[in-house]
C-alpha atoms as a PDB file:
ATOM      1  CA  GLY A   1       0.011  -0.570   0.051  1.00  0.00           C
ATOM      2  CA  GLY A   2       2.808   2.445  -0.010  1.00  0.00           C
ATOM      3  CA  TRP A   3       5.150   4.404  -2.696  1.00  0.00           C
ATOM      4  CA  VAL A   4       8.729   2.732  -3.852  1.00  0.00           C
ATOM      5  CA  PRO A   5      10.379   4.250  -6.899  1.00  0.00           C
ATOM      6  CA  LEU A   6       9.505   1.895  -9.913  1.00  0.00           C
ATOM      7  CA  SER A   7      12.997   1.148 -10.890  1.00  0.00           C
ATOM      8  CA  ASP A   8      12.809  -1.167  -7.462  1.00  0.00           C
ATOM      9  CA  ILE A   9      10.613  -3.488  -8.851  1.00  0.00           C
ATOM     10  CA  VAL A  10      11.365  -3.329 -11.681  1.00  0.00           C
ATOM     11  CA  THR A  11      13.458  -4.170 -15.038  1.00  0.00           C
ATOM     12  CA  VAL A  12      13.336  -1.815 -17.545  1.00  0.00           C
ATOM     13  CA  ARG A  13      14.747  -2.414 -20.982  1.00  0.00           C
ATOM     14  CA  SER A  14      14.893  -0.757 -24.534  1.00  0.00           C
ATOM     15  CA  MET A  15      15.230  -2.717 -27.476  1.00  0.00           C
ATOM     16  CA  THR A  16      14.230  -2.244 -30.823  1.00  0.00           C
ATOM     17  CA  GLY A  17      11.471  -4.074 -31.624  1.00  0.00           C
ATOM     18  CA  PHE A  18       9.744  -6.224 -35.014  1.00  0.00           C
ATOM     19  CA  SER A  19       9.649  -3.700 -37.448  1.00  0.00           C
ATOM     20  CA  THR A  20       6.101  -3.919 -40.233  1.00  0.00           C
ATOM     21  CA  ILE A  21       6.735  -1.590 -43.101  1.00  0.00           C
ATOM     22  CA  ARG A  22       2.412  -0.844 -44.354  1.00  0.00           C
ATOM     23  CA  ARG A  23       1.856   0.432 -47.355  1.00  0.00           C
ATOM     24  CA  GLU A  24      -2.008   1.647 -49.302  1.00  0.00           C
ATOM     25  CA  ASP A  25      -1.656   2.603 -52.967  1.00  0.00           C
ATOM     26  CA  GLY A  26       1.895   2.625 -53.116  1.00  0.00           C
ATOM     27  CA  VAL A  27       2.332   5.655 -50.383  1.00  0.00           C
ATOM     28  CA  ARG A  28       3.907   3.600 -46.776  1.00  0.00           C
ATOM     29  CA  ARG A  29       1.755   4.710 -43.920  1.00  0.00           C
ATOM     30  CA  VAL A  30       1.735   4.763 -40.212  1.00  0.00           C
ATOM     31  CA  SER A  31      -0.625   4.014 -37.598  1.00  0.00           C
ATOM     32  CA  VAL A  32      -0.571   6.058 -34.331  1.00  0.00           C
ATOM     33  CA  THR A  33      -3.551   4.639 -31.733  1.00  0.00           C
ATOM     34  CA  GLY A  34      -4.529   5.989 -29.050  1.00  0.00           C
ATOM     35  CA  ASP A  35      -8.154   6.659 -26.835  1.00  0.00           C
ATOM     36  CA  ILE A  36      -9.507   9.396 -25.805  1.00  0.00           C
ATOM     37  CA  SER A  37     -12.066   9.514 -22.343  1.00  0.00           C
ATOM     38  CA  GLU A  38     -15.416  10.405 -22.781  1.00  0.00           C
ATOM     39  CA  ASP A  39     -16.014  11.319 -18.743  1.00  0.00           C
ATOM     40  CA  ASP A  40     -15.934  14.372 -20.100  1.00  0.00           C
ATOM     41  CA  PRO A  41     -17.713  15.556 -23.069  1.00  0.00           C
ATOM     42  CA  ALA A  42     -16.346  18.187 -23.477  1.00  0.00           C
ATOM     43  CA  ARG A  43     -12.992  17.948 -23.170  1.00  0.00           C
ATOM     44  CA  ALA A  44     -12.718  14.866 -25.687  1.00  0.00           C
ATOM     45  CA  ASN A  45     -14.708  17.391 -28.422  1.00  0.00           C
ATOM     46  CA  GLU A  46     -11.975  20.005 -27.819  1.00  0.00           C
ATOM     47  CA  ILE A  47      -8.499  16.741 -27.750  1.00  0.00           C
ATOM     48  CA  GLN A  48     -10.147  15.823 -31.094  1.00  0.00           C
ATOM     49  CA  ARG A  49     -10.841  19.406 -32.444  1.00  0.00           C
ATOM     50  CA  GLN A  50      -7.399  20.715 -31.887  1.00  0.00           C
ATOM     51  CA  LEU A  51      -5.655  17.117 -33.470  1.00  0.00           C
ATOM     52  CA  SER A  52      -8.315  17.711 -35.912  1.00  0.00           C
ATOM     53  CA  GLU A  53      -8.084  21.981 -36.590  1.00  0.00           C
ATOM     54  CA  VAL A  54      -3.855  22.294 -34.839  1.00  0.00           C
ATOM     55  CA  ILE A  55      -1.421  19.216 -33.949  1.00  0.00           C
ATOM     56  CA  LEU A  56      -2.344  17.060 -37.142  1.00  0.00           C
ATOM     57  CA  PRO A  57      -2.269  19.846 -39.659  1.00  0.00           C
ATOM     58  CA  ARG A  58       1.093  21.164 -37.676  1.00  0.00           C
ATOM     59  CA  ILE A  59       2.774  17.944 -38.237  1.00  0.00           C
ATOM     60  CA  GLY A  60       2.188  17.360 -41.546  1.00  0.00           C
ATOM     61  CA  GLU A  61       3.159  21.030 -43.398  1.00  0.00           C
ATOM     62  CA  GLU A  62       6.423  20.253 -41.449  1.00  0.00           C
ATOM     63  CA  ARG A  63       6.889  16.972 -42.579  1.00  0.00           C
ATOM     64  CA  GLY A  64       5.744  16.561 -45.943  1.00  0.00           C
ATOM     65  CA  VAL A  65       2.954  14.621 -45.043  1.00  0.00           C
ATOM     66  CA  ALA A  66      -0.693  13.265 -44.987  1.00  0.00           C
ATOM     67  CA  TRP A  67      -2.794  12.345 -42.356  1.00  0.00           C
ATOM     68  CA  THR A  68      -6.230  10.549 -41.054  1.00  0.00           C
ATOM     69  CA  LEU A  69      -8.119  10.224 -38.299  1.00  0.00           C
ATOM     70  CA  SER A  70      -9.713   6.699 -38.859  1.00  0.00           C
ATOM     71  CA  GLY A  71     -10.775   4.632 -36.117  1.00  0.00           C
ATOM     72  CA  ALA A  72     -13.655   5.081 -33.779  1.00  0.00           C
ATOM     73  CA  ALA A  73     -13.696   8.825 -36.141  1.00  0.00           C
ATOM     74  CA  GLN A  74     -14.042   7.439 -39.202  1.00  0.00           C
ATOM     75  CA  GLN A  75     -16.687   5.063 -38.049  1.00  0.00           C
ATOM     76  CA  GLU A  76     -18.286   8.273 -36.909  1.00  0.00           C
ATOM     77  CA  ARG A  77     -18.332  10.373 -39.839  1.00  0.00           C
ATOM     78  CA  ASP A  78     -19.095   6.863 -42.019  1.00  0.00           C
ATOM     79  CA  PHE A  79     -22.404   6.999 -39.789  1.00  0.00           C
ATOM     80  CA  MET A  80     -22.976  10.226 -40.051  1.00  0.00           C
ATOM     81  CA  ALA A  81     -22.802   9.998 -43.397  1.00  0.00           C
ATOM     82  CA  ASP A  82     -25.925   6.922 -43.797  1.00  0.00           C
ATOM     83  CA  ALA A  83     -27.806   8.889 -41.226  1.00  0.00           C
ATOM     84  CA  MET A  84     -27.675  11.822 -43.007  1.00  0.00           C
ATOM     85  CA  LEU A  85     -28.721  10.068 -45.952  1.00  0.00           C
ATOM     86  CA  GLY A  86     -31.737   7.906 -44.013  1.00  0.00           C
ATOM     87  CA  LEU A  87     -32.740  10.978 -42.634  1.00  0.00           C
ATOM     88  CA  MET A  88     -33.167  13.113 -45.867  1.00  0.00           C
ATOM     89  CA  LEU A  89     -34.785   9.713 -47.683  1.00  0.00           C
ATOM     90  CA  CYS A  90     -37.408   9.559 -44.845  1.00  0.00           C
ATOM     91  CA  LEU A  91     -38.402  13.251 -44.884  1.00  0.00           C
ATOM     92  CA  ILE A  92     -39.432  12.956 -48.204  1.00  0.00           C
ATOM     93  CA  GLY A  93     -41.360   9.964 -48.168  1.00  0.00           C
ATOM     94  CA  ILE A  94     -42.904  11.839 -45.004  1.00  0.00           C
ATOM     95  CA  TYR A  95     -43.364  15.373 -47.647  1.00  0.00           C
ATOM     96  CA  ILE A  96     -45.145  13.036 -50.427  1.00  0.00           C
ATOM     97  CA  VAL A  97     -47.618  10.702 -48.578  1.00  0.00           C
ATOM     98  CA  LEU A  98     -48.651  13.991 -47.024  1.00  0.00           C
ATOM     99  CA  ALA A  99     -48.843  15.756 -50.528  1.00  0.00           C
ATOM    100  CA  TRP A 100     -50.804  12.410 -51.322  1.00  0.00           C
ATOM    101  CA  ILE A 101     -53.255  12.179 -48.518  1.00  0.00           C
ATOM    102  CA  PHE A 102     -54.130  16.139 -47.946  1.00  0.00           C
ATOM    103  CA  SER A 103     -53.691  17.173 -51.868  1.00  0.00           C
ATOM    104  CA  SER A 104     -51.346  20.506 -50.759  1.00  0.00           C
ATOM    105  CA  TRP A 105     -47.531  21.012 -51.776  1.00  0.00           C
ATOM    106  CA  ALA A 106     -47.863  23.442 -49.028  1.00  0.00           C
ATOM    107  CA  ARG A 107     -50.114  21.168 -45.893  1.00  0.00           C
ATOM    108  CA  PRO A 108     -47.448  18.274 -45.459  1.00  0.00           C
ATOM    109  CA  LEU A 109     -44.844  21.659 -44.238  1.00  0.00           C
ATOM    110  CA  VAL A 110     -47.350  22.575 -41.680  1.00  0.00           C
ATOM    111  CA  VAL A 111     -47.595  19.219 -40.557  1.00  0.00           C
ATOM    112  CA  MET A 112     -43.712  19.097 -40.506  1.00  0.00           C
ATOM    113  CA  SER A 113     -42.685  21.860 -38.886  1.00  0.00           C
ATOM    114  CA  VAL A 114     -42.924  20.757 -35.572  1.00  0.00           C
ATOM    115  CA  ILE A 115     -39.397  18.785 -36.605  1.00  0.00           C
ATOM    116  CA  PRO A 116     -37.420  20.952 -35.396  1.00  0.00           C
ATOM    117  CA  PHE A 117     -39.174  21.736 -31.894  1.00  0.00           C
ATOM    118  CA  GLY A 118     -39.103  18.257 -31.444  1.00  0.00           C
ATOM    119  CA  LEU A 119     -35.463  18.406 -31.671  1.00  0.00           C
ATOM    120  CA  VAL A 120     -34.699  20.899 -28.662  1.00  0.00           C
ATOM    121  CA  GLY A 121     -37.014  18.741 -26.821  1.00  0.00           C
ATOM    122  CA  ALA A 122     -34.415  16.505 -27.556  1.00  0.00           C
ATOM    123  CA  PHE A 123     -31.301  18.832 -27.197  1.00  0.00           C
ATOM    124  CA  TRP A 124     -32.391  19.718 -23.281  1.00  0.00           C
ATOM    125  CA  GLY A 125     -33.971  16.516 -22.153  1.00  0.00           C
ATOM    126  CA  HIS A 126     -29.373  15.468 -23.393  1.00  0.00           C
ATOM    127  CA  TRP A 127     -28.536  18.290 -21.503  1.00  0.00           C
ATOM    128  CA  HIS A 128     -30.213  18.099 -18.470  1.00  0.00           C
ATOM    129  CA  TRP A 129     -29.798  13.851 -17.247  1.00  0.00           C
ATOM    130  CA  GLY A 130     -25.616  15.378 -17.942  1.00  0.00           C
ATOM    131  CA  ILE A 131     -25.744  12.669 -20.831  1.00  0.00           C
ATOM    132  CA  ALA A 132     -23.406  13.996 -24.778  1.00  0.00           C
ATOM    133  CA  LEU A 133     -25.411  13.597 -28.127  1.00  0.00           C
ATOM    134  CA  SER A 134     -23.788   9.643 -29.278  1.00  0.00           C
ATOM    135  CA  MET A 135     -24.750   7.878 -32.455  1.00  0.00           C
ATOM    136  CA  PHE A 136     -28.019   6.360 -30.722  1.00  0.00           C
ATOM    137  CA  SER A 137     -29.415  10.223 -30.009  1.00  0.00           C
ATOM    138  CA  VAL A 138     -28.680  10.106 -33.604  1.00  0.00           C
ATOM    139  CA  VAL A 139     -30.917   6.834 -34.298  1.00  0.00           C
ATOM    140  CA  GLY A 140     -34.458   8.340 -32.376  1.00  0.00           C
ATOM    141  CA  LEU A 141     -33.610  11.490 -33.869  1.00  0.00           C
ATOM    142  CA  ILE A 142     -34.802   9.799 -37.316  1.00  0.00           C
ATOM    143  CA  GLY A 143     -37.538   7.460 -35.164  1.00  0.00           C
ATOM    144  CA  MET A 144     -38.563  10.658 -33.767  1.00  0.00           C
ATOM    145  CA  THR A 145     -39.251  12.603 -36.749  1.00  0.00           C
ATOM    146  CA  GLY A 146     -42.065  10.029 -38.013  1.00  0.00           C
ATOM    147  CA  ILE A 147     -43.437   9.960 -34.609  1.00  0.00           C
ATOM    148  CA  ILE A 148     -44.058  13.844 -33.602  1.00  0.00           C
ATOM    149  CA  ILE A 149     -45.726  14.301 -37.147  1.00  0.00           C
ATOM    150  CA  ASN A 150     -48.752  12.155 -35.689  1.00  0.00           C
ATOM    151  CA  ASP A 151     -50.005  14.676 -33.090  1.00  0.00           C
ATOM    152  CA  ALA A 152     -50.380  17.383 -35.939  1.00  0.00           C
ATOM    153  CA  ILE A 153     -52.097  15.326 -38.399  1.00  0.00           C
ATOM    154  CA  VAL A 154     -55.018  14.678 -35.955  1.00  0.00           C
ATOM    155  CA  LEU A 155     -55.697  18.622 -36.373  1.00  0.00           C
ATOM    156  CA  ILE A 156     -54.657  19.483 -39.208  1.00  0.00           C
ATOM    157  CA  SER A 157     -57.359  16.089 -40.067  1.00  0.00           C
ATOM    158  CA  THR A 158     -59.778  18.383 -37.784  1.00  0.00           C
ATOM    159  CA  VAL A 159     -58.875  21.969 -39.442  1.00  0.00           C
ATOM    160  CA  ASP A 160     -60.021  20.587 -42.675  1.00  0.00           C
ATOM    161  CA  GLU A 161     -63.246  19.221 -41.614  1.00  0.00           C
ATOM    162  CA  TYR A 162     -64.534  22.019 -39.844  1.00  0.00           C
ATOM    163  CA  ALA A 163     -63.324  24.189 -42.053  1.00  0.00           C
ATOM    164  CA  ARG A 164     -66.089  22.757 -44.493  1.00  0.00           C
ATOM    165  CA  LYS A 165     -68.595  24.583 -42.797  1.00  0.00           C
ATOM    166  CA  ARG A 166     -66.940  27.431 -41.294  1.00  0.00           C
ATOM    167  CA  GLY A 167     -64.320  30.169 -41.625  1.00  0.00           C
ATOM    168  CA  LEU A 168     -60.553  29.390 -41.608  1.00  0.00           C
ATOM    169  CA  GLY A 169     -59.796  30.757 -37.352  1.00  0.00           C
ATOM    170  CA  PRO A 170     -63.110  29.262 -35.807  1.00  0.00           C
ATOM    171  CA  ALA A 171     -62.709  25.886 -37.395  1.00  0.00           C
ATOM    172  CA  ILE A 172     -58.797  26.096 -36.144  1.00  0.00           C
ATOM    173  CA  VAL A 173     -60.257  27.504 -32.096  1.00  0.00           C
ATOM    174  CA  ASP A 174     -62.404  24.119 -31.986  1.00  0.00           C
ATOM    175  CA  ALA A 175     -60.547  21.719 -33.114  1.00  0.00           C
ATOM    176  CA  VAL A 176     -57.506  22.634 -30.705  1.00  0.00           C
ATOM    177  CA  ALA A 177     -60.017  22.022 -28.407  1.00  0.00           C
ATOM    178  CA  ASP A 178     -62.116  19.714 -29.283  1.00  0.00           C
ATOM    179  CA  ARG A 179     -58.370  17.873 -30.187  1.00  0.00           C
ATOM    180  CA  LEU A 180     -56.258  18.632 -27.470  1.00  0.00           C
ATOM    181  CA  ARG A 181     -57.377  15.140 -24.724  1.00  0.00           C
ATOM    182  CA  PRO A 182     -56.636  12.290 -28.025  1.00  0.00           C
ATOM    183  CA  VAL A 183     -53.220  14.594 -28.875  1.00  0.00           C
ATOM    184  CA  MET A 184     -52.406  14.293 -25.087  1.00  0.00           C
ATOM    185  CA  LEU A 185     -52.876  10.462 -25.051  1.00  0.00           C
ATOM    186  CA  THR A 186     -51.070   9.843 -28.509  1.00  0.00           C
ATOM    187  CA  THR A 187     -48.432  11.411 -26.401  1.00  0.00           C
ATOM    188  CA  LEU A 188     -48.218   9.543 -23.099  1.00  0.00           C
ATOM    189  CA  THR A 189     -49.057   6.688 -24.563  1.00  0.00           C
ATOM    190  CA  THR A 190     -45.876   6.836 -26.221  1.00  0.00           C
ATOM    191  CA  VAL A 191     -44.494   9.055 -23.536  1.00  0.00           C
ATOM    192  CA  LEU A 192     -44.877   6.350 -20.717  1.00  0.00           C
ATOM    193  CA  GLY A 193     -44.594   3.707 -22.055  1.00  0.00           C
ATOM    194  CA  LEU A 194     -40.840   4.679 -22.686  1.00  0.00           C
ATOM    195  CA  ALA A 195     -40.823   5.715 -19.048  1.00  0.00           C
ATOM    196  CA  PRO A 196     -39.493   2.301 -17.477  1.00  0.00           C
ATOM    197  CA  LEU A 197     -36.645   2.542 -20.047  1.00  0.00           C
ATOM    198  CA  LEU A 198     -35.047   6.244 -19.124  1.00  0.00           C
ATOM    199  CA  TYR A 199     -35.554   4.745 -15.401  1.00  0.00           C
ATOM    200  CA  GLU A 200     -33.447   1.907 -16.023  1.00  0.00           C
ATOM    201  CA  ARG A 201     -30.077   1.680 -14.116  1.00  0.00           C
ATOM    202  CA  SER A 202     -29.439  -1.848 -14.773  1.00  0.00           C
ATOM    203  CA  SER A 203     -25.410  -1.396 -17.470  1.00  0.00           C
ATOM    204  CA  SER A 204     -27.243  -3.243 -20.121  1.00  0.00           C
ATOM    205  CA  ALA A 205     -29.424  -0.573 -20.926  1.00  0.00           C
ATOM    206  CA  GLN A 206     -27.169   2.573 -20.387  1.00  0.00           C
ATOM    207  CA  PHE A 207     -26.362   2.447 -24.026  1.00  0.00           C
ATOM    208  CA  LEU A 208     -30.489   3.129 -25.383  1.00  0.00           C
ATOM    209  CA  LYS A 209     -30.062   5.458 -22.481  1.00  0.00           C
ATOM    210  CA  PRO A 210     -29.517   8.308 -25.741  1.00  0.00           C
ATOM    211  CA  THR A 211     -32.315   7.013 -27.684  1.00  0.00           C
ATOM    212  CA  ILE A 212     -35.160   7.521 -25.046  1.00  0.00           C
ATOM    213  CA  ILE A 213     -34.008  10.874 -23.850  1.00  0.00           C
ATOM    214  CA  THR A 214     -34.386  11.573 -27.358  1.00  0.00           C
ATOM    215  CA  LEU A 215     -37.718  10.003 -27.861  1.00  0.00           C
ATOM    216  CA  VAL A 216     -39.273  10.947 -25.009  1.00  0.00           C
ATOM    217  CA  TYR A 217     -38.683  14.861 -24.492  1.00  0.00           C
ATOM    218  CA  GLY A 218     -39.113  15.638 -28.102  1.00  0.00           C
ATOM    219  CA  LEU A 219     -42.654  14.073 -28.292  1.00  0.00           C
ATOM    220  CA  GLY A 220     -42.679  16.039 -25.213  1.00  0.00           C
ATOM    221  CA  PHE A 221     -42.323  18.965 -26.058  1.00  0.00           C
ATOM    222  CA  GLY A 222     -43.032  18.101 -29.791  1.00  0.00           C
ATOM    223  CA  MET A 223     -47.606  17.867 -28.697  1.00  0.00           C
ATOM    224  CA  LEU A 224     -46.602  21.618 -26.470  1.00  0.00           C
ATOM    225  CA  ILE A 225     -45.952  22.896 -29.824  1.00  0.00           C
ATOM    226  CA  VAL A 226     -47.861  20.964 -32.231  1.00  0.00           C
ATOM    227  CA  LEU A 227     -50.735  22.661 -29.881  1.00  0.00           C
ATOM    228  CA  ILE A 228     -49.507  26.009 -30.600  1.00  0.00           C
ATOM    229  CA  VAL A 229     -46.962  26.274 -33.863  1.00  0.00           C
ATOM    230  CA  VAL A 230     -49.099  24.436 -36.129  1.00  0.00           C
ATOM    231  CA  PRO A 231     -52.371  26.623 -35.824  1.00  0.00           C
ATOM    232  CA  ALA A 232     -50.599  29.925 -35.776  1.00  0.00           C
ATOM    233  CA  ALA A 233     -49.159  28.566 -39.412  1.00  0.00           C
ATOM    234  CA  LEU A 234     -52.119  27.488 -40.686  1.00  0.00           C
ATOM    235  CA  ALA A 235     -53.661  31.318 -40.212  1.00  0.00           C
ATOM    236  CA  VAL A 236     -50.013  32.425 -41.249  1.00  0.00           C
ATOM    237  CA  GLY A 237     -50.253  30.316 -44.609  1.00  0.00           C
ATOM    238  CA  GLN A 238     -53.769  31.794 -44.807  1.00  0.00           C
ATOM    239  CA  ASP A 239     -52.475  35.502 -44.673  1.00  0.00           C
ATOM    240  CA  PHE A 240     -50.315  34.776 -47.050  1.00  0.00           C
ATOM    241  CA  GLY A 241     -51.806  33.518 -49.433  1.00  0.00           C
ATOM    242  CA  ARG A 242     -53.956  36.301 -49.035  1.00  0.00           C
ATOM    243  CA  ALA A 243     -51.305  38.235 -49.999  1.00  0.00           C
ATOM    244  CA  PHE A 244     -50.088  36.048 -52.936  1.00  0.00           C
ATOM    245  CA  ARG A 245     -53.945  36.186 -54.119  1.00  0.00           C
ATOM    246  CA  ALA A 246     -53.701  39.939 -54.271  1.00  0.00           C
ATOM    247  CA  MET A 247     -50.233  39.976 -55.815  1.00  0.00           C
ATOM    248  CA  ARG A 248     -51.293  37.455 -58.519  1.00  0.00           C
ATOM    249  CA  ARG A 249     -54.083  39.232 -59.634  1.00  0.00           C
ATOM    250  CA  ALA A 250     -51.888  42.371 -59.781  1.00  0.00           C
ATOM    251  CA  PHE A 251     -49.584  41.074 -61.868  1.00  0.00           C
ATOM    252  CA  ALA A 252     -51.293  39.211 -64.538  1.00  0.00           C
ATOM    253  CA  GLY A 253     -53.226  43.180 -65.782  1.00  0.00           C
ATOM    254  CA  HIS A 254     -51.019  44.670 -68.197  1.00  0.00           C
ATOM    255  CA  HIS A 255     -51.681  48.320 -67.669  1.00  0.00           C
ATOM    256  CA  GLY A 256     -48.350  50.492 -65.672  1.00  0.00           C
ATOM    257  CA  THR A 257     -49.020  48.923 -62.324  1.00  0.00           C
ATOM    258  CA  ALA A 258     -48.730  45.419 -63.423  1.00  0.00           C
ATOM    259  CA  ARG A 259     -45.075  46.590 -65.564  1.00  0.00           C
ATOM    260  CA  GLY A 260     -43.818  48.884 -63.021  1.00  0.00           C
ATOM    261  CA  LEU A 261     -44.469  45.695 -60.016  1.00  0.00           C
ATOM    262  CA  LYS A 262     -43.006  43.289 -62.384  1.00  0.00           C
ATOM    263  CA  LEU A 263     -39.717  45.823 -62.418  1.00  0.00           C
ATOM    264  CA  ALA A 264     -39.579  45.681 -59.096  1.00  0.00           C
ATOM    265  CA  LEU A 265     -40.203  42.468 -57.985  1.00  0.00           C
ATOM    266  CA  GLY A 266     -36.942  41.047 -61.009  1.00  0.00           C
ATOM    267  CA  GLY A 267     -34.504  43.563 -60.266  1.00  0.00           C
ATOM    268  CA  ALA A 268     -35.285  43.142 -55.552  1.00  0.00           C
ATOM    269  CA  SER A 269     -35.066  39.006 -56.560  1.00  0.00           C
ATOM    270  CA  ALA A 270     -31.821  39.265 -58.630  1.00  0.00           C
ATOM    271  CA  ALA A 271     -30.194  41.793 -55.617  1.00  0.00           C
ATOM    272  CA  LEU A 272     -31.499  39.160 -53.350  1.00  0.00           C
ATOM    273  CA  ALA A 273     -29.668  36.358 -54.954  1.00  0.00           C
ATOM    274  CA  VAL A 274     -26.130  38.190 -55.035  1.00  0.00           C
ATOM    275  CA  ALA A 275     -26.626  40.474 -51.374  1.00  0.00           C
ATOM    276  CA  PHE A 276     -27.431  36.192 -50.791  1.00  0.00           C
ATOM    277  CA  ALA A 277     -24.178  35.296 -52.068  1.00  0.00           C
ATOM    278  CA  ALA A 278     -21.763  38.065 -50.824  1.00  0.00           C
ATOM    279  CA  THR A 279     -22.674  37.591 -47.533  1.00  0.00           C
ATOM    280  CA  LEU A 280     -24.306  34.282 -46.036  1.00  0.00           C
ATOM    281  CA  GLY A 281     -23.096  32.160 -49.473  1.00  0.00           C
ATOM    282  CA  ARG A 282     -19.800  33.251 -48.751  1.00  0.00           C
ATOM    283  CA  ALA A 283     -19.815  32.777 -45.169  1.00  0.00           C
ATOM    284  CA  ILE A 284     -21.287  29.048 -45.927  1.00  0.00           C
ATOM    285  CA  TRP A 285     -19.112  28.568 -48.847  1.00  0.00           C
ATOM    286  CA  LEU A 286     -15.568  28.739 -46.537  1.00  0.00           C
ATOM    287  CA  GLY A 287     -16.701  27.777 -43.139  1.00  0.00           C
ATOM    288  CA  GLN A 288     -16.337  31.142 -41.781  1.00  0.00           C
ATOM    289  CA  GLY A 289     -19.385  32.227 -39.220  1.00  0.00           C
ATOM    290  CA  VAL A 290     -22.417  32.560 -40.417  1.00  0.00           C
ATOM    291  CA  GLY A 291     -23.533  35.463 -37.203  1.00  0.00           C
ATOM    292  CA  MET A 292     -22.231  38.507 -39.054  1.00  0.00           C
ATOM    293  CA  ALA A 293     -22.790  37.335 -42.171  1.00  0.00           C
ATOM    294  CA  LEU A 294     -26.885  36.666 -41.648  1.00  0.00           C
ATOM    295  CA  GLY A 295     -26.671  39.954 -40.238  1.00  0.00           C
ATOM    296  CA  LEU A 296     -25.490  41.437 -42.954  1.00  0.00           C
ATOM    297  CA  PHE A 297     -27.374  39.917 -45.338  1.00  0.00           C
ATOM    298  CA  ILE A 298     -30.218  40.254 -43.567  1.00  0.00           C
ATOM    299  CA  THR A 299     -29.994  43.866 -43.451  1.00  0.00           C
ATOM    300  CA  LEU A 300     -29.632  44.516 -46.554  1.00  0.00           C
ATOM    301  CA  ALA A 301     -32.383  42.267 -47.686  1.00  0.00           C
ATOM    302  CA  ALA A 302     -35.103  44.354 -45.934  1.00  0.00           C
ATOM    303  CA  VAL A 303     -32.959  47.544 -47.923  1.00  0.00           C
ATOM    304  CA  ILE A 304     -33.691  45.530 -50.983  1.00  0.00           C
ATOM    305  CA  THR A 305     -37.632  45.986 -50.318  1.00  0.00           C
ATOM    306  CA  LEU A 306     -38.229  48.953 -48.868  1.00  0.00           C
ATOM    307  CA  ALA A 307     -36.467  49.931 -52.524  1.00  0.00           C
ATOM    308  CA  ALA A 308     -37.983  47.213 -54.726  1.00  0.00           C
ATOM    309  CA  GLY A 309     -41.561  49.711 -53.082  1.00  0.00           C
ATOM    310  CA  VAL A 310     -40.615  52.312 -53.774  1.00  0.00           C
ATOM    311  CA  VAL A 311     -40.093  51.741 -57.284  1.00  0.00           C
ATOM    312  CA  ALA A 312     -42.631  50.302 -58.084  1.00  0.00           C
ATOM    313  CA  ALA A 313     -45.075  52.951 -56.315  1.00  0.00           C
ATOM    314  CA  ARG A 314     -43.156  55.357 -58.478  1.00  0.00           C
ATOM    315  CA  LEU A 315     -43.000  53.054 -61.533  1.00  0.00           C
ATOM    316  CA  SER A 316     -46.857  52.849 -61.115  1.00  0.00           C
ATOM    317  CA  ASP A 317     -47.529  56.487 -61.037  1.00  0.00           C
ATOM    318  CA  ALA A 318     -45.176  57.679 -63.583  1.00  0.00           C
ATOM    319  CA  ARG A 319     -46.480  55.411 -66.318  1.00  0.00           C
ATOM    320  CA  GLY A 320     -50.566  55.529 -64.934  1.00  0.00           C
ATOM    321  CA  PRO A 321     -53.515  53.751 -66.788  1.00  0.00           C
ATOM    322  CA  ALA A 322     -52.815  52.791 -70.290  1.00  0.00           C
ATOM    323  CA  ALA A 323     -54.397  53.757 -72.603  1.00  0.00           C
ATOM    324  CA  PRO A 324     -58.194  52.023 -73.337  1.00  0.00           C
ATOM    325  CA  ALA A 325     -58.089  50.594 -77.060  1.00  0.00           C
ATOM    326  CA  GLU A 326     -60.471  52.530 -79.255  1.00  0.00           C
END
C-alpha cells in the first residue's frame, strides 16, 4: 500500500522491436493509435478538435506527410453520412405521403414544421440528464421525425373537416379545443411506455438511454408545440395566401402598375440573390461564422425590399393607367 520508486520493483530495458512497413496505394503508412477518455465529453471534443485543426495539420506541413483520422472517428463519420442520407430520405417520404393524403403541396410543410421543435426538446433532455449526444441519439432523432407528426396530422385533419362548414379561424380554434384530449393521449401513451427504460439503472440498458431521452423529451415538447405552432402556421398560411393571390392578380394586368411591379420584383430578386451570395452564401462556402453574415444579409434584404417598394410605386405613378383602345 506504500509508494516506492518504479526502478525498485521492475527492470526496464530498451530494445528494438520488429518493424513492419505498411503501404496503401503505394504510399507508406504509419498508424498512431490512442484512446480519449469519454468521462468529460466537452474535453474529449476539444482534444479531437485540436488534433484535427491544429496538431495534425502542423505535423503534415512540417514533415511533408498526409494524415487522416480513422478508427472510431472514421466510423462516426461514415455513420453520420449514412444517417443524414437516411434522414433526408425519411423526410422526402413523409412529405410525399402527406402531399398525397392532403392533396396539397403546402399543408405537409405545416405538419412537418414541428420536427425542428422536437429536436429542441431532445437536446434539452440530453442536457438535463447530463448525457452527451451519440450515435444512438441520432437513431432516436430519425425515429422521432416519423412519430412527432402524428399529433399534427390529427389536428390538421380536424381543422380541414371543420373548415368546410365555417371559416378557417373558427375552425382552428374549435379543432384545437376538440382534439386536445386525443393529442395528449397519443403522446402520453408513447412517453409513458418508454418511461421505464428511461429510469432503468442496469448497465445493459444504459446504451439505449440516449435514444429513449430523444424520444421522450422530443415527443413531450413536440406535443406542446403542435397545439401552438401548427394552428399559428395555418393562420399565417391563410394570410400569405391572400397576399399571394392579390399579388398574382396585380401581375396579371397589363397596365402601368403591373409592369412596375414586375420590374421591381425582378430587380429585387436579382439583388437578393447577389446579396445572399456575397454575405451568407460566402460564409457558408468558406466555413466561416455565419452570425455576422446573417445580420448583414438581413439588413441588405430589408433595404432591398424597401427600395423595391419605392421603385414600384414611382414606376406605376409615372406610367399611369394604360389608355383604352379605340
